[in-house]
Protein backbone atom coordinates (compact mmCIF):
# COMPACT_ATOMS: atom_id res chain seq x y z
CA MET A 1 29.28 -5.39 16.36
CA ASN A 2 28.87 -6.86 19.85
CA LEU A 3 26.25 -5.83 22.14
CA SER A 4 26.77 -4.47 25.33
CA PHE A 5 24.93 -6.42 28.29
CA TRP A 6 22.35 -3.44 28.46
CA GLU A 7 21.53 -3.32 24.44
CA ARG A 8 20.95 -7.58 24.71
CA ASP A 9 18.84 -7.46 27.81
CA THR A 10 16.80 -4.60 27.12
CA TRP A 11 15.64 -5.09 23.45
CA PHE A 12 16.71 -9.00 22.48
CA SER A 13 16.27 -11.03 25.32
CA ASN A 14 12.86 -12.57 26.31
CA ILE A 15 11.21 -11.50 23.13
CA ASP A 16 7.83 -13.46 22.88
CA PHE A 17 6.46 -11.86 19.10
CA ALA A 18 8.71 -10.55 16.52
CA VAL A 19 7.78 -8.52 13.82
CA ILE A 20 9.47 -8.22 10.52
CA GLY A 21 8.56 -4.85 9.25
CA SER A 22 7.09 -1.68 10.54
CA GLY A 23 5.05 -0.98 7.54
CA ILE A 24 1.13 -0.54 8.15
CA VAL A 25 0.78 -4.59 8.24
CA GLY A 26 3.81 -4.81 10.50
CA LEU A 27 2.52 -2.01 12.94
CA SER A 28 -1.42 -3.31 12.68
CA CYS A 29 0.23 -6.72 13.39
CA ALA A 30 1.76 -6.09 16.27
CA LEU A 31 -1.30 -3.74 17.72
CA SER A 32 -3.61 -6.54 17.25
CA LEU A 33 -1.23 -8.96 19.31
CA ARG A 34 -1.01 -6.34 22.09
CA LYS A 35 -4.91 -6.59 22.21
CA ARG A 36 -4.91 -9.68 22.36
CA PHE A 37 -1.60 -10.40 24.39
CA PRO A 38 -1.43 -7.32 26.79
CA ASN A 39 1.87 -8.62 28.86
CA ALA A 40 3.81 -9.97 25.79
CA LYS A 41 7.23 -8.58 24.71
CA ILE A 42 6.60 -7.44 21.17
CA VAL A 43 9.57 -6.01 19.19
CA VAL A 44 9.48 -4.74 15.53
CA PHE A 45 12.73 -4.47 13.63
CA GLU A 46 13.04 -2.13 10.36
CA LYS A 47 15.69 -2.55 8.22
CA GLY A 48 15.61 1.11 7.03
CA MET A 49 16.07 4.44 9.13
CA LEU A 50 12.36 5.06 8.31
CA PRO A 51 9.49 2.05 6.85
CA SER A 52 10.86 0.58 3.79
CA GLY A 53 8.50 -0.50 1.09
CA ALA A 54 5.97 1.47 0.40
CA SER A 55 3.82 2.26 3.40
CA THR A 56 5.49 5.74 3.54
CA LYS A 57 6.22 6.16 -0.20
CA ASN A 58 2.67 5.57 -2.42
CA ALA A 59 0.60 8.41 -3.57
CA GLY A 60 -1.90 8.36 -0.67
CA PHE A 61 -4.77 6.60 -2.27
CA ALA A 62 -7.86 4.74 -0.45
CA CYS A 63 -7.71 2.98 -3.66
CA PHE A 64 -10.80 0.53 -4.20
CA GLY A 65 -9.80 0.42 -7.72
CA SER A 66 -11.11 1.86 -11.01
CA VAL A 67 -13.59 0.17 -13.33
CA SER A 68 -10.86 -0.90 -16.16
CA GLU A 69 -9.47 -2.53 -12.88
CA ILE A 70 -11.89 -4.14 -11.83
CA LEU A 71 -13.00 -5.66 -15.52
CA ASP A 72 -9.35 -6.36 -15.59
CA ASP A 73 -9.52 -8.53 -12.26
CA LEU A 74 -12.69 -10.20 -13.87
CA ARG A 75 -10.30 -11.78 -16.52
CA THR A 76 -8.49 -13.81 -13.84
CA HIS A 77 -10.60 -13.66 -10.97
CA SER A 78 -14.11 -14.81 -10.06
CA GLU A 79 -16.84 -12.66 -9.64
CA GLU A 80 -16.89 -13.27 -5.79
CA GLU A 81 -13.71 -13.21 -5.69
CA VAL A 82 -13.25 -9.67 -6.92
CA VAL A 83 -15.83 -8.70 -4.96
CA GLU A 84 -14.51 -9.92 -1.68
CA LEU A 85 -11.35 -8.41 -2.34
CA ILE A 86 -13.13 -4.70 -3.01
CA ARG A 87 -14.82 -5.74 -0.01
CA ALA A 88 -11.88 -6.46 2.24
CA ARG A 89 -10.32 -2.84 0.97
CA VAL A 90 -13.69 -1.01 2.25
CA ASN A 91 -13.49 -3.12 5.44
CA GLY A 92 -9.08 -2.57 6.08
CA LEU A 93 -9.90 1.29 5.21
CA ASN A 94 -12.56 1.82 7.85
CA LEU A 95 -10.32 -0.25 10.44
CA LEU A 96 -7.13 2.15 9.47
CA ARG A 97 -9.82 5.19 9.87
CA ASN A 98 -11.13 3.91 13.44
CA THR A 99 -7.97 3.02 14.18
CA LEU A 100 -6.25 6.43 13.87
CA GLY A 101 -8.89 8.77 12.94
CA ASP A 102 -9.04 10.61 10.35
CA SER A 103 -7.67 13.95 11.74
CA GLN A 104 -4.79 11.98 11.87
CA LEU A 105 -5.29 10.65 8.56
CA GLU A 106 -5.80 14.10 6.93
CA PHE A 107 -8.50 11.67 5.54
CA GLN A 108 -10.61 13.60 2.53
CA GLN A 109 -13.24 11.83 0.29
CA GLN A 110 -13.17 13.87 -2.42
CA GLY A 111 -14.00 11.17 -4.78
CA GLY A 112 -11.91 9.70 -7.44
CA TYR A 113 -12.08 9.55 -11.63
CA GLU A 114 -10.84 6.89 -13.99
CA LEU A 115 -9.83 9.13 -16.96
CA PHE A 116 -9.36 7.30 -20.68
CA THR A 117 -7.09 8.84 -23.80
CA GLU A 118 -8.35 9.61 -27.13
CA TYR A 119 -6.23 6.46 -28.52
CA ASP A 120 -8.36 4.11 -25.93
CA ARG A 121 -11.48 4.35 -27.20
CA GLU A 122 -12.20 0.97 -26.87
CA LEU A 123 -11.19 0.60 -23.41
CA TYR A 124 -13.71 3.91 -22.63
CA GLU A 125 -16.51 2.79 -24.55
CA ASN A 126 -16.32 -0.56 -22.96
CA CYS A 127 -15.90 0.61 -19.44
CA LEU A 128 -18.61 3.23 -19.73
CA GLU A 129 -20.82 -0.32 -20.98
CA LYS A 130 -20.12 -2.56 -18.15
CA VAL A 131 -20.77 0.75 -15.40
CA PRO A 132 -24.10 -0.35 -14.65
CA TYR A 133 -23.15 -4.21 -14.15
CA ILE A 134 -20.17 -3.13 -11.65
CA ASN A 135 -22.65 -1.07 -9.93
CA SER A 136 -24.82 -4.19 -9.44
CA LEU A 137 -21.23 -6.44 -7.87
CA LEU A 138 -20.81 -4.06 -5.92
CA LYS A 139 -24.33 -3.25 -4.30
CA ASN A 140 -23.73 -4.38 -0.94
CA VAL A 141 -20.03 -3.50 -0.58
CA PHE A 142 -20.23 -0.20 0.53
CA PHE A 143 -22.60 -0.28 3.09
CA ASP A 144 -24.83 2.48 0.98
CA GLU A 145 -27.98 2.28 -1.85
CA ASN A 146 -26.23 4.69 -4.02
CA GLU A 147 -24.57 3.66 -6.69
CA VAL A 148 -20.68 3.45 -6.60
CA PHE A 149 -19.79 4.53 -10.37
CA SER A 150 -21.59 7.29 -12.06
CA ILE A 151 -20.55 8.81 -15.41
CA LYS A 152 -19.32 12.53 -15.61
CA ASN A 153 -18.40 15.48 -17.68
CA ASP A 154 -14.42 16.26 -17.60
CA PRO A 155 -14.62 19.86 -15.41
CA PHE A 156 -10.65 19.40 -15.40
CA SER A 157 -9.92 20.67 -18.97
CA PHE A 158 -7.70 17.54 -19.55
CA ASN A 159 -6.41 17.54 -22.94
CA ASN A 160 -6.49 14.64 -25.19
CA ILE A 161 -8.58 12.52 -22.77
CA GLN A 162 -12.37 11.44 -23.43
CA LYS A 163 -14.66 13.81 -22.58
CA GLN A 164 -16.08 11.66 -19.84
CA LEU A 165 -14.62 10.66 -16.94
CA ILE A 166 -16.00 7.41 -14.50
CA PHE A 167 -16.40 8.62 -11.15
CA ASN A 168 -15.93 6.88 -7.91
CA ARG A 169 -17.73 9.00 -4.66
CA PHE A 170 -15.86 6.97 -2.48
CA GLU A 171 -12.62 7.15 -3.09
CA GLY A 172 -10.31 9.04 -0.60
CA GLN A 173 -6.47 10.32 -0.01
CA LEU A 174 -4.51 10.75 2.57
CA ASN A 175 -1.46 11.82 3.89
CA THR A 176 0.79 8.01 4.39
CA GLY A 177 3.84 10.28 6.37
CA LYS A 178 1.12 11.37 9.07
CA MET A 179 -0.58 7.97 8.97
CA MET A 180 3.05 5.56 9.68
CA HIS A 181 3.68 8.74 12.39
CA ALA A 182 0.54 8.22 14.01
CA LEU A 183 1.02 4.22 13.93
CA ILE A 184 4.77 4.41 15.62
CA ARG A 185 3.48 6.71 18.00
CA LYS A 186 0.33 4.39 18.94
CA ALA A 187 2.62 1.52 18.73
CA SER A 188 5.30 3.04 21.31
CA GLU A 189 2.13 4.12 23.87
CA MET A 190 1.01 0.28 23.89
CA GLY A 191 4.71 -0.59 25.03
CA ILE A 192 5.55 -2.09 21.86
CA LEU A 193 9.49 -1.57 20.61
CA VAL A 194 10.06 -1.18 17.34
CA LEU A 195 14.05 -1.05 16.13
CA ASN A 196 15.05 0.80 12.83
CA ASN A 197 18.59 0.23 10.91
CA ALA A 198 17.66 -3.77 12.09
CA ASN A 199 18.14 -6.06 9.24
CA ILE A 200 16.83 -9.54 9.91
CA VAL A 201 19.10 -11.45 7.01
CA SER A 202 17.82 -15.18 8.18
CA TYR A 203 15.51 -17.59 10.81
CA LEU A 204 15.65 -20.97 12.49
CA ASP A 205 12.33 -22.30 13.30
CA LYS A 206 13.75 -24.63 15.54
CA ASN A 207 12.06 -26.45 19.29
CA ASP A 208 9.96 -24.14 19.73
CA GLN A 209 11.94 -20.96 19.20
CA ILE A 210 12.71 -18.73 16.31
CA LEU A 211 17.09 -18.70 16.37
CA ILE A 212 17.31 -14.98 14.48
CA LYS A 213 19.86 -13.39 12.50
CA MET A 214 21.02 -9.91 11.79
CA PRO A 215 24.46 -8.80 9.90
CA GLU A 216 27.74 -8.80 11.85
CA ASN A 217 26.54 -11.73 13.71
CA VAL A 218 24.08 -10.48 15.64
CA GLU A 219 21.92 -13.22 17.01
CA PHE A 220 18.90 -13.65 19.09
CA SER A 221 15.52 -15.51 19.41
CA SER A 222 11.65 -15.20 19.54
CA LYS A 223 8.94 -17.11 20.42
CA LYS A 224 6.96 -16.61 17.48
CA LEU A 225 8.05 -14.43 14.35
CA PHE A 226 5.60 -12.28 11.85
CA ILE A 227 7.39 -11.21 8.43
CA ALA A 228 6.11 -8.11 6.79
CA THR A 229 8.23 -7.17 4.45
CA ASN A 230 5.66 -7.45 1.18
CA GLY A 231 7.76 -6.65 -1.65
CA PHE A 232 11.11 -7.81 0.25
CA ALA A 233 9.38 -11.34 1.29
CA LYS A 234 11.48 -13.09 -1.35
CA GLN A 235 14.52 -12.16 1.03
CA LEU A 236 13.33 -14.48 3.78
CA PHE A 237 11.17 -16.97 2.44
CA SER A 238 10.22 -18.63 -0.99
CA GLU A 239 6.36 -17.40 -1.88
CA ASP A 240 4.63 -16.19 -4.85
CA VAL A 241 5.80 -12.85 -4.33
CA ILE A 242 7.70 -10.31 -6.93
CA PRO A 243 8.97 -7.02 -6.23
CA ALA A 244 7.46 -3.77 -8.07
CA ARG A 245 8.76 -0.67 -7.93
CA ALA A 246 6.38 2.64 -8.10
CA GLN A 247 8.05 6.34 -9.60
CA VAL A 248 6.59 9.20 -8.30
CA LEU A 249 7.34 12.63 -8.26
CA ILE A 250 5.27 16.12 -7.21
CA THR A 251 5.57 19.28 -8.23
CA HIS A 252 6.15 22.17 -6.50
CA PRO A 253 2.90 24.70 -5.25
CA ILE A 254 0.95 25.59 -8.71
CA LYS A 255 -1.45 28.86 -8.15
CA ASN A 256 -5.10 28.49 -8.69
CA LEU A 257 -4.96 24.83 -8.53
CA HIS A 258 -8.02 23.36 -10.02
CA ILE A 259 -7.48 19.79 -9.25
CA LYS A 260 -9.12 17.95 -6.61
CA GLY A 261 -9.50 14.36 -6.15
CA THR A 262 -7.54 10.82 -7.02
CA PHE A 263 -7.22 10.13 -10.73
CA HIS A 264 -6.37 7.01 -12.55
CA LEU A 265 -5.22 6.81 -16.17
CA ASP A 266 -4.30 4.03 -18.19
CA ARG A 267 -5.52 1.02 -16.85
CA GLY A 268 -4.38 2.48 -13.68
CA TYR A 269 -1.04 2.53 -14.57
CA TYR A 270 -0.88 6.02 -13.90
CA TYR A 271 -2.14 8.07 -10.79
CA PHE A 272 -2.03 11.26 -9.78
CA ARG A 273 -3.64 13.45 -7.12
CA ASN A 274 -3.40 17.13 -5.22
CA VAL A 275 -2.06 17.18 -2.24
CA GLY A 276 -3.15 20.71 -1.38
CA ASP A 277 -1.58 22.79 -3.91
CA ARG A 278 0.74 20.56 -5.66
CA VAL A 279 0.29 17.54 -8.37
CA LEU A 280 1.40 14.06 -7.10
CA PHE A 281 1.61 11.53 -10.35
CA GLY A 282 3.27 8.38 -10.18
CA GLY A 283 3.12 5.15 -12.15
CA GLY A 284 4.82 3.93 -15.67
CA ARG A 285 6.04 0.41 -14.80
CA ASN A 286 4.20 -0.35 -17.56
CA LEU A 287 6.57 1.15 -19.61
CA ASP A 288 8.94 -1.88 -18.65
CA PHE A 289 8.31 -4.39 -16.18
CA SER A 290 11.59 -6.22 -16.13
CA THR A 291 13.30 -3.32 -14.88
CA GLU A 292 11.03 -2.40 -12.40
CA GLU A 293 10.21 -5.52 -11.06
CA THR A 294 13.58 -4.69 -8.41
CA MET A 295 13.89 -4.21 -5.08
CA ASP A 296 16.55 -1.43 -5.23
CA PHE A 297 14.81 2.06 -4.67
CA GLY A 298 15.37 5.12 -7.56
CA THR A 299 14.35 6.17 -10.41
CA THR A 300 14.81 5.73 -14.47
CA GLY A 301 14.98 8.35 -16.96
CA LEU A 302 11.94 6.70 -19.06
CA VAL A 303 9.49 7.04 -16.50
CA GLN A 304 10.44 10.03 -15.07
CA ASN A 305 10.56 11.70 -18.40
CA ARG A 306 6.96 9.80 -19.42
CA LEU A 307 5.61 11.44 -16.04
CA GLU A 308 6.86 15.41 -16.91
CA GLU A 309 5.04 14.27 -20.55
CA LEU A 310 2.17 13.86 -19.69
CA LEU A 311 1.75 16.38 -16.91
CA SER A 312 2.55 19.14 -19.80
CA THR A 313 0.70 17.06 -22.40
CA THR A 314 -2.47 16.14 -20.81
CA ILE A 315 -2.85 16.72 -17.33
CA LEU A 316 -1.92 20.34 -16.91
CA PRO A 317 -1.78 21.23 -20.43
CA ASN A 318 -1.64 24.92 -19.85
CA THR A 319 -0.28 25.26 -16.55
CA SER A 320 3.86 25.96 -15.98
CA PHE A 321 4.87 23.77 -13.19
CA THR A 322 8.31 22.81 -11.79
CA ILE A 323 8.92 19.62 -10.33
CA ASP A 324 10.20 19.55 -6.55
CA THR A 325 11.57 15.82 -6.27
CA ARG A 326 11.01 12.29 -7.20
CA TRP A 327 10.83 8.93 -5.06
CA SER A 328 10.23 5.07 -5.37
CA GLY A 329 8.65 2.64 -3.38
CA ILE A 330 8.61 -1.63 -3.94
CA MET A 331 5.31 -2.90 -3.65
CA GLY A 332 4.44 -6.56 -3.66
CA VAL A 333 2.61 -8.35 -6.28
CA GLY A 334 1.69 -11.56 -7.80
CA GLN A 335 0.10 -14.47 -10.14
CA GLN A 336 -3.02 -13.64 -7.72
CA LYS A 337 -4.15 -10.43 -6.38
CA LYS A 338 -5.25 -12.09 -2.78
CA PRO A 339 -2.82 -10.99 -0.37
CA ILE A 340 -0.85 -14.25 1.28
CA VAL A 341 -1.67 -14.51 4.78
CA LYS A 342 -0.53 -17.84 6.25
CA GLN A 343 1.50 -19.97 8.57
CA LEU A 344 5.23 -20.99 6.78
CA SER A 345 6.49 -23.26 10.16
CA ASN A 346 5.69 -24.06 13.93
CA ASN A 347 6.58 -20.41 15.03
CA VAL A 348 6.20 -18.59 12.01
CA TYR A 349 3.56 -16.40 9.97
CA CYS A 350 3.67 -14.09 7.17
CA GLY A 351 1.57 -11.46 5.56
CA VAL A 352 2.85 -10.30 2.07
CA ARG A 353 1.34 -9.79 -1.54
CA LEU A 354 -0.79 -6.67 -1.03
CA GLY A 355 -0.31 -5.58 -4.69
CA GLY A 356 -0.32 -1.83 -4.33
CA MET A 357 -3.27 -1.58 -1.95
CA GLY A 358 -1.36 -1.52 1.34
CA ILE A 359 -3.76 1.78 2.72
CA ALA A 360 -7.06 -0.06 1.84
CA ILE A 361 -5.99 -3.48 3.29
CA GLY A 362 -2.84 -2.97 5.69
CA SER A 363 -4.39 -2.81 8.81
CA SER A 364 -6.94 -5.46 8.23
CA ILE A 365 -4.24 -7.69 6.54
CA GLY A 366 -1.77 -7.14 9.92
CA LYS A 367 -4.92 -7.95 12.26
CA GLN A 368 -5.56 -11.33 10.12
CA LEU A 369 -1.80 -12.17 10.51
CA ALA A 370 -1.90 -11.83 14.32
CA ASP A 371 -4.91 -13.43 14.25
CA LEU A 372 -3.24 -16.85 12.53
CA LEU A 373 -1.53 -17.22 16.09
CA PRO A 374 -4.08 -19.43 18.65
CA SER A 375 -5.15 -18.03 21.73
CA SER A 376 -3.95 -20.78 23.71
C-alpha cells in the first residue's frame, strides 16, 4: 500500500505521541497526554475495526474483587499489595466515572454477590469466616465507614448453591460499548486522531525518534511511543504478559427476570449479571487454561456448553431461555496481578497486564502511562 502525499502529510507526519491500542488504557493515555501537551500531535493506532482485546468485549463489571479472589491474592501477595490493588480499582473507577459521567457509562451500583456451589463447602465456610478480616483490611479503601462485605440469604432462588451469599454493596455494572464510544468521541473532540485497521508490527527506538512499521511496508516515525495492547503485548515486546481468552454469552430477553446485580461463582472463574432483562454469562477459562492462553478470538464447545449447563441447572433452573449471541475477549495476565507500567527504552513506554481488571483500573493505568513522560 502506497500512502498518498495527503494521507502521509495529514496522519503520519510530525507525530509527537503515538499510542498503540484504542482500548480504555490507550485512549485514557492519549487524553492524559492532551491535558499536559495541548499542542502535541497525538495519534492512536488500533489494529481492529473496533477496539481489540477486552475493552468492548468484557462483562461490564466494576470488579472490586470477591472474598475468595482476595483470599487467593493474599496467598501470593502481601496484605499491603492486595489493599493497594483494590484501592487502585476504586480510584480508577472513580476516575472513569468523573471523566465520562455515570449517564454515559450507564453505571448502576446494584451490588455484587459471590455464590458458592454445594460442593464448595470448605471454601464457603472459609470465606464466611474471613469476611470480618477482609472488611478490616479494606476499612479505609472505599471512603465509607460501613463494611464492604456482608452475608445475605439467597434472594434469587439459585439452585445447587449454598444458601448464603457474600454481598459487596459497592460493586456496579456499566455498558462498555457506550463507555468506549464516549472515550472515542472525547478523544476526537480533543483533537486526538484514532486510526482503525492500523496494525503496528514493529518499532525501533533510534536517534531520538521511533521508527514504526505497519504491514505492506508502511513506515513512519514518532517522537514518543506508548504501548497499551494488554493481552497482545508479546507481539511487540517481551514482558510477563500471558494472553487469556474469556468467553461470554448473552441470552435473549427473559420475561420477569428476577436477577439484578453482578455475580461471581467458583472463585470468580464464572461471572454473570443482568443486562436489562437479559443474562450475560462468562468464564470457564479454568476448564482448559492452555487452550485459552491464546490471542485468537473464538469460542469452544467445552466452555460454551458448560456456561449453558450452569445457566440451566444453577442460575435459571426454572426458567426457559435462549442464547442470543456468543463472543470472546483477550485479557492480559501474568504471575503477578500488579499491572506493568514502565519505560522500555528512551522513548518507549508501556501500560499492560491488567489482569481482567480493565474497567476498574484502565483509566488510571492510562494516566500513569502518560505520566511516565517527563514534562520537559
